């Protein structure tokens, strides 16, 4: 498969290695200094573009992919929400564009998300347990809480009647408290706790490095090569539904 990379920082290099490891060809690499290459024949030859950049430029990058008729896997967090998300879904639904976005492409996180939702469904019966979510990432991360934490929090709120919404550092009986910690070069730790006067239940996913995210992004690109329109990580890993 022919892949274009958008963003060539640490993640871009690791994704490049993962793609080569699975026998794919990188036909174009676009970073901050050569955005004119969106208009190149090399970029247009890509079957899928994998985009890992910053929230401030992600939407523009995706739109430029759409203009060139290239499908997009996006792992940039903090940009796909509200009216922007509505517009992206409309473009996929009405104008034949193709986008697969996820806050986290790790296979382990996909499993963790499924466990998190099922646990919340079970704990809905036991109001004596209060639930909290904590995420820890490296000091360079721009968004807080992480996109993965938001996805986990939304899954809990949907299943747990006693939580109306989630809130960053908020303490209220009807709010799921989410805490963010920034420490050194931590790739990502997400912990959900259910605490009662009698005991404590904890589930945690800890990433050792970024290679799991990169592999998942390449797997998502492989999936997207054969699919059209608006897609999600639950389509790639359907056990998360």
Protein backbone atom coordinates (compact mmCIF):
# COMPACT_ATOMS: atom_id res chain seq x y z
CA UNK A 1 0.00 0.00 0.00
CA UNK A 2 1.15 3.54 -0.75
CA UNK A 3 1.08 5.78 2.35
CA UNK A 4 1.70 9.49 2.85
CA UNK A 5 2.87 10.77 6.22
CA UNK A 6 1.78 14.17 7.52
CA UNK A 7 3.87 15.19 10.51
CA UNK A 8 7.42 13.91 10.77
CA UNK A 9 8.23 14.26 14.45
CA UNK A 10 8.80 11.35 16.80
CA UNK A 11 5.49 9.69 15.92
CA UNK A 12 6.01 10.23 12.21
CA UNK A 13 9.34 8.42 12.28
CA UNK A 14 7.91 5.53 14.32
CA UNK A 15 4.91 5.22 11.98
CA UNK A 16 7.29 5.19 9.02
CA UNK A 17 9.19 2.25 10.54
CA UNK A 18 5.93 0.41 11.34
CA UNK A 19 4.66 0.91 7.78
CA UNK A 20 7.92 -0.36 6.26
CA UNK A 21 7.80 -3.31 8.65
CA UNK A 22 4.45 -4.32 7.20
CA UNK A 23 5.65 -3.99 3.62
CA UNK A 24 4.13 -0.60 2.74
CA UNK A 25 5.67 2.19 0.68
CA UNK A 26 5.96 5.77 1.95
CA UNK A 27 5.38 7.92 -1.13
CA UNK A 28 5.27 11.37 0.50
CA UNK A 29 6.32 12.93 3.79
CA UNK A 30 4.91 16.35 4.66
CA UNK A 31 6.10 18.43 7.58
CA UNK A 32 5.96 22.09 8.51
CA UNK A 33 8.60 23.11 5.95
CA UNK A 34 7.13 21.50 2.80
CA UNK A 35 3.35 21.87 2.97
CA UNK A 36 3.39 22.70 -0.74
CA UNK A 37 3.85 18.98 -1.33
CA UNK A 38 0.15 18.45 -0.68
CA UNK A 39 -0.20 19.50 -4.33
CA UNK A 40 2.34 17.00 -5.62
CA UNK A 41 1.76 13.91 -7.75
CA UNK A 42 3.59 11.87 -5.13
CA UNK A 43 1.08 12.87 -2.45
CA UNK A 44 -1.89 12.24 -4.76
CA UNK A 45 -0.58 8.74 -5.45
CA UNK A 46 -1.09 7.77 -1.78
CA UNK A 47 -3.94 5.39 -0.98
CA UNK A 48 -4.09 6.70 2.58
CA UNK A 49 -2.44 9.57 4.47
CA UNK A 50 -1.59 9.15 8.16
CA UNK A 51 -1.75 12.50 9.95
CA UNK A 52 -0.17 13.07 13.39
CA UNK A 53 0.35 16.79 13.98
CA UNK A 54 -0.91 19.53 16.31
CA UNK A 55 -4.54 20.50 17.04
CA UNK A 56 -3.99 23.93 15.47
CA UNK A 57 -3.18 22.54 12.01
CA UNK A 58 -4.92 19.14 11.92
CA UNK A 59 -8.19 20.35 10.38
CA UNK A 60 -6.37 22.19 7.60
CA UNK A 61 -4.24 19.13 6.89
CA UNK A 62 -7.30 16.89 6.63
CA UNK A 63 -9.04 19.35 4.30
CA UNK A 64 -5.99 19.46 2.02
CA UNK A 65 -6.02 15.65 1.87
CA UNK A 66 -9.68 15.80 0.89
CA UNK A 67 -8.88 18.31 -1.85
CA UNK A 68 -6.38 15.83 -3.32
CA UNK A 69 -8.76 12.88 -3.06
CA UNK A 70 -6.66 11.11 -0.44
CA UNK A 71 -8.20 9.18 2.45
CA UNK A 72 -7.02 10.18 5.93
CA UNK A 73 -6.18 8.43 9.18
CA UNK A 74 -5.79 11.17 11.81
CA UNK A 75 -4.34 10.72 15.27
CA UNK A 76 -4.12 14.41 16.14
CA UNK A 77 -6.08 15.09 19.31
CA UNK A 78 -7.97 18.14 20.52
CA UNK A 79 -9.39 19.32 17.16
CA UNK A 80 -12.26 17.04 16.13
CA UNK A 81 -15.21 18.28 18.16
CA UNK A 82 -18.32 20.44 17.95
CA UNK A 83 -18.98 22.11 14.60
CA UNK A 84 -15.70 20.86 13.14
CA UNK A 85 -16.70 17.26 13.79
CA UNK A 86 -20.15 17.87 12.34
CA UNK A 87 -18.60 19.33 9.19
CA UNK A 88 -16.14 16.45 8.81
CA UNK A 89 -18.98 13.95 9.11
CA UNK A 90 -20.99 15.91 6.54
CA UNK A 91 -18.09 15.91 4.09
CA UNK A 92 -17.78 12.15 4.47
CA UNK A 93 -21.52 11.59 4.20
CA UNK A 94 -22.40 14.00 1.39
CA UNK A 95 -19.20 14.65 -0.56
CA UNK A 96 -17.54 11.25 -0.61
CA UNK A 97 -14.59 12.09 1.64
CA UNK A 98 -13.00 9.45 3.87
CA UNK A 99 -11.68 10.02 7.40
CA UNK A 100 -10.82 7.73 10.27
CA UNK A 101 -9.94 9.60 13.44
CA UNK A 102 -9.06 8.17 16.84
CA UNK A 103 -7.70 9.58 20.08
CA UNK A 104 -5.57 6.44 20.40
CA UNK A 105 -4.70 3.69 17.92
CA UNK A 106 -3.15 1.24 20.37
CA UNK A 107 -4.62 -2.27 20.23
CA UNK A 108 -4.24 -2.45 24.02
CA UNK A 109 -6.20 0.77 24.47
CA UNK A 110 -8.95 -0.56 22.20
CA UNK A 111 -9.24 -3.58 24.51
CA UNK A 112 -9.05 -1.30 27.56
CA UNK A 113 -11.88 0.88 26.22
CA UNK A 114 -14.10 -2.18 25.82
CA UNK A 115 -13.29 -3.34 29.37
CA UNK A 116 -13.86 0.18 30.71
CA UNK A 117 -17.35 0.38 29.20
CA UNK A 118 -18.31 -3.11 30.38
CA UNK A 119 -17.06 -2.38 33.91
CA UNK A 120 -19.09 0.85 34.04
CA UNK A 121 -22.15 -1.10 32.92
CA UNK A 122 -21.63 -3.55 35.79
CA UNK A 123 -20.90 -0.82 38.35
CA UNK A 124 -24.12 0.99 37.51
CA UNK A 125 -25.79 -1.42 39.98
CA UNK A 126 -23.55 -0.38 42.88
CA UNK A 127 -23.93 3.32 43.80
CA UNK A 128 -21.61 3.00 46.82
CA UNK A 129 -18.67 3.14 44.39
CA UNK A 130 -17.46 6.52 43.20
CA UNK A 131 -15.45 6.59 40.00
CA UNK A 132 -12.49 8.72 38.96
CA UNK A 133 -10.20 8.78 35.94
CA UNK A 134 -6.55 9.83 35.83
CA UNK A 135 -4.26 10.22 32.81
CA UNK A 136 -0.50 10.78 32.81
CA UNK A 137 1.49 11.89 29.76
CA UNK A 138 4.79 13.46 28.79
CA UNK A 139 5.36 17.16 29.40
CA UNK A 140 5.19 17.98 25.67
CA UNK A 141 1.54 17.03 25.30
CA UNK A 142 -0.53 20.08 24.32
CA UNK A 143 -4.09 19.00 25.13
CA UNK A 144 -5.56 18.14 28.53
CA UNK A 145 -7.17 15.87 29.31
CA UNK A 146 -5.91 13.50 26.66
CA UNK A 147 -8.20 12.45 23.84
CA UNK A 148 -8.07 8.90 25.15
CA UNK A 149 -9.15 10.08 28.61
CA UNK A 150 -12.09 11.92 27.06
CA UNK A 151 -13.11 8.79 25.14
CA UNK A 152 -12.88 6.70 28.31
CA UNK A 153 -14.80 9.31 30.31
CA UNK A 154 -17.57 9.50 27.73
CA UNK A 155 -17.88 5.72 27.83
CA UNK A 156 -18.28 5.78 31.61
CA UNK A 157 -20.84 8.60 31.59
CA UNK A 158 -22.91 6.79 28.96
CA UNK A 159 -23.11 3.66 31.10
CA UNK A 160 -23.22 5.10 34.63
CA UNK A 161 -26.54 6.74 35.53
CA UNK A 162 -25.13 8.61 38.53
CA UNK A 163 -22.66 10.62 36.42
CA UNK A 164 -24.17 13.33 34.24
CA UNK A 165 -20.91 14.45 32.63
CA UNK A 166 -17.15 14.46 33.12
CA UNK A 167 -15.10 17.44 34.32
CA UNK A 168 -11.39 18.19 34.55
CA UNK A 169 -10.43 18.46 38.24
CA UNK A 170 -14.13 18.86 39.18
CA UNK A 171 -15.41 17.36 42.41
CA UNK A 172 -19.17 16.86 42.49
CA UNK A 173 -21.32 13.76 43.02
CA UNK A 174 -22.86 13.96 39.54
CA UNK A 175 -19.55 14.70 37.74
CA UNK A 176 -16.92 12.13 36.76
CA UNK A 177 -13.66 13.70 37.92
CA UNK A 178 -10.81 13.54 35.40
CA UNK A 179 -7.27 14.45 36.45
CA UNK A 180 -4.31 15.09 34.15
CA UNK A 181 -0.65 14.71 35.12
CA UNK A 182 2.32 15.72 32.96
CA UNK A 183 5.57 13.96 33.83
CA UNK A 184 8.87 13.56 31.98
CA UNK A 185 8.53 11.41 28.80
CA UNK A 186 5.65 9.15 29.84
CA UNK A 187 3.98 7.80 26.64
CA UNK A 188 0.61 7.41 28.34
CA UNK A 189 -1.03 5.93 31.45
CA UNK A 190 -4.81 5.81 31.96
CA UNK A 191 -6.33 4.62 35.23
CA UNK A 192 -9.98 4.22 36.20
CA UNK A 193 -10.82 3.63 39.87
CA UNK A 194 -14.05 2.66 41.62
CA UNK A 195 -13.73 3.44 45.31
CA UNK A 196 -16.11 2.47 48.12
CA UNK A 197 -15.86 2.39 51.93
CA UNK A 198 -15.22 -1.35 51.63
CA UNK A 199 -12.81 -1.77 48.72
CA UNK A 200 -11.21 -0.39 45.59
CA UNK A 201 -11.36 -1.58 41.97
CA UNK A 202 -8.69 -0.28 39.59
CA UNK A 203 -8.02 -0.83 35.88
CA UNK A 204 -4.95 0.66 34.20
CA UNK A 205 -3.43 0.77 30.75
CA UNK A 206 0.24 1.77 30.62
CA UNK A 207 2.00 2.31 27.30
CA UNK A 208 5.70 1.39 27.35
CA UNK A 209 6.47 3.35 24.19
CA UNK A 210 4.85 4.87 21.08
CA UNK A 211 5.29 1.80 18.90
CA UNK A 212 1.86 0.42 19.79
CA UNK A 213 0.21 3.66 18.65
CA UNK A 214 2.17 3.57 15.39
CA UNK A 215 1.27 -0.04 14.63
CA UNK A 216 -2.40 0.68 15.29
CA UNK A 217 -2.30 3.68 12.95
CA UNK A 218 -0.88 1.51 10.17
CA UNK A 219 -3.52 -1.16 10.83
CA UNK A 220 -6.15 1.58 10.60
CA UNK A 221 -4.68 2.72 7.26
CA UNK A 222 -4.85 -0.86 5.98
CA UNK A 223 -8.51 -1.02 7.00
CA UNK A 224 -9.29 2.38 5.47
CA UNK A 225 -7.79 1.41 2.11
CA UNK A 226 -10.84 -0.81 1.60
CA UNK A 227 -13.50 1.43 3.14
CA UNK A 228 -15.10 4.79 2.44
CA UNK A 229 -16.72 7.63 4.39
CA UNK A 230 -16.69 8.30 8.12
CA UNK A 231 -14.92 5.52 10.02
CA UNK A 232 -13.90 5.04 13.65
CA UNK A 233 -11.45 2.92 15.61
CA UNK A 234 -14.42 0.74 16.62
CA UNK A 235 -14.72 -0.24 12.96
CA UNK A 236 -11.07 -1.31 12.94
CA UNK A 237 -11.36 -3.10 16.30
CA UNK A 238 -15.08 -3.96 16.55
CA UNK A 239 -14.85 -5.49 20.03
CA UNK A 240 -14.81 -1.90 21.36
CA UNK A 241 -18.45 -1.34 20.39
